[in-house]
């Protein structure tokens, strides 16, 4: 038997605002304790009424009306009552689109925001098949919840993005690879699987972008070479011709 009584269950499956919204549920706790458990998706848990102790991982925190908890996917969490209170909780199951990550978080909403959410929830059908007219109320609830949630960290940079910045410097590629704990050939293969470019090809592309920008703005080819980190303008000219099939002077003229 469930440790709570579901008063509202709506499976929504909405893609919006960078989120995949799975289910909106309103629960009245029935048991005095909910054992630690986890989910394959992230959850927002908002206490609308009553109080207790919310556990996230091994940390326990007193939870009252207005307390909003963000539970990342796979994070153990549980609950125990305080006194004879049986809290009423609004639960949103969701995922992030792309490579964003959810961080565990907690904050308290103001009484005015809590009252607004109560009013919005009164317009959401308790169960049954949703109609198009029901979605504005559901999305309004979700927007208010997510708008008060500092739980999204930016996506981690890809290997291509990381290396793109690192190869801008004149450091040897062996040193760049060492920073990643691998041999240059191994790092180059990983990069090629992700982006189609090897390590040396990526450095040449980045250098060429810098060279073309410098040739547009510098008063001479020699100064453009210096801006790009080439000490020898003749070597710069030979390198540029290998990349583009044209000399720097010809490229500037066109």
Foldseek 3Di string as FASTA:
>chain_A
DDQWDWQAKDQDQDCPPQKGWGIKIKTWGRDQKFFWDFAQFKKKKAWQAAWWWKDWQHDIDIHGHQKIWIHGGPITIMIGHDDPTTIIIIMITMHGPDQKGWDIDMDGHDPVLSVVLVVLVVLADRDDDDDPVRVVSVVVNVCSNVVPGPTIDDGDDDLLVVLLVVLQDVDDLQVVVVVVVDGQVVSQVVVCVVPVGGSVRSSLVSLLVQLVVLLQPPPDLCVSCVSSPHPDSVVVQVSNCVVPVDGSVVVSVD
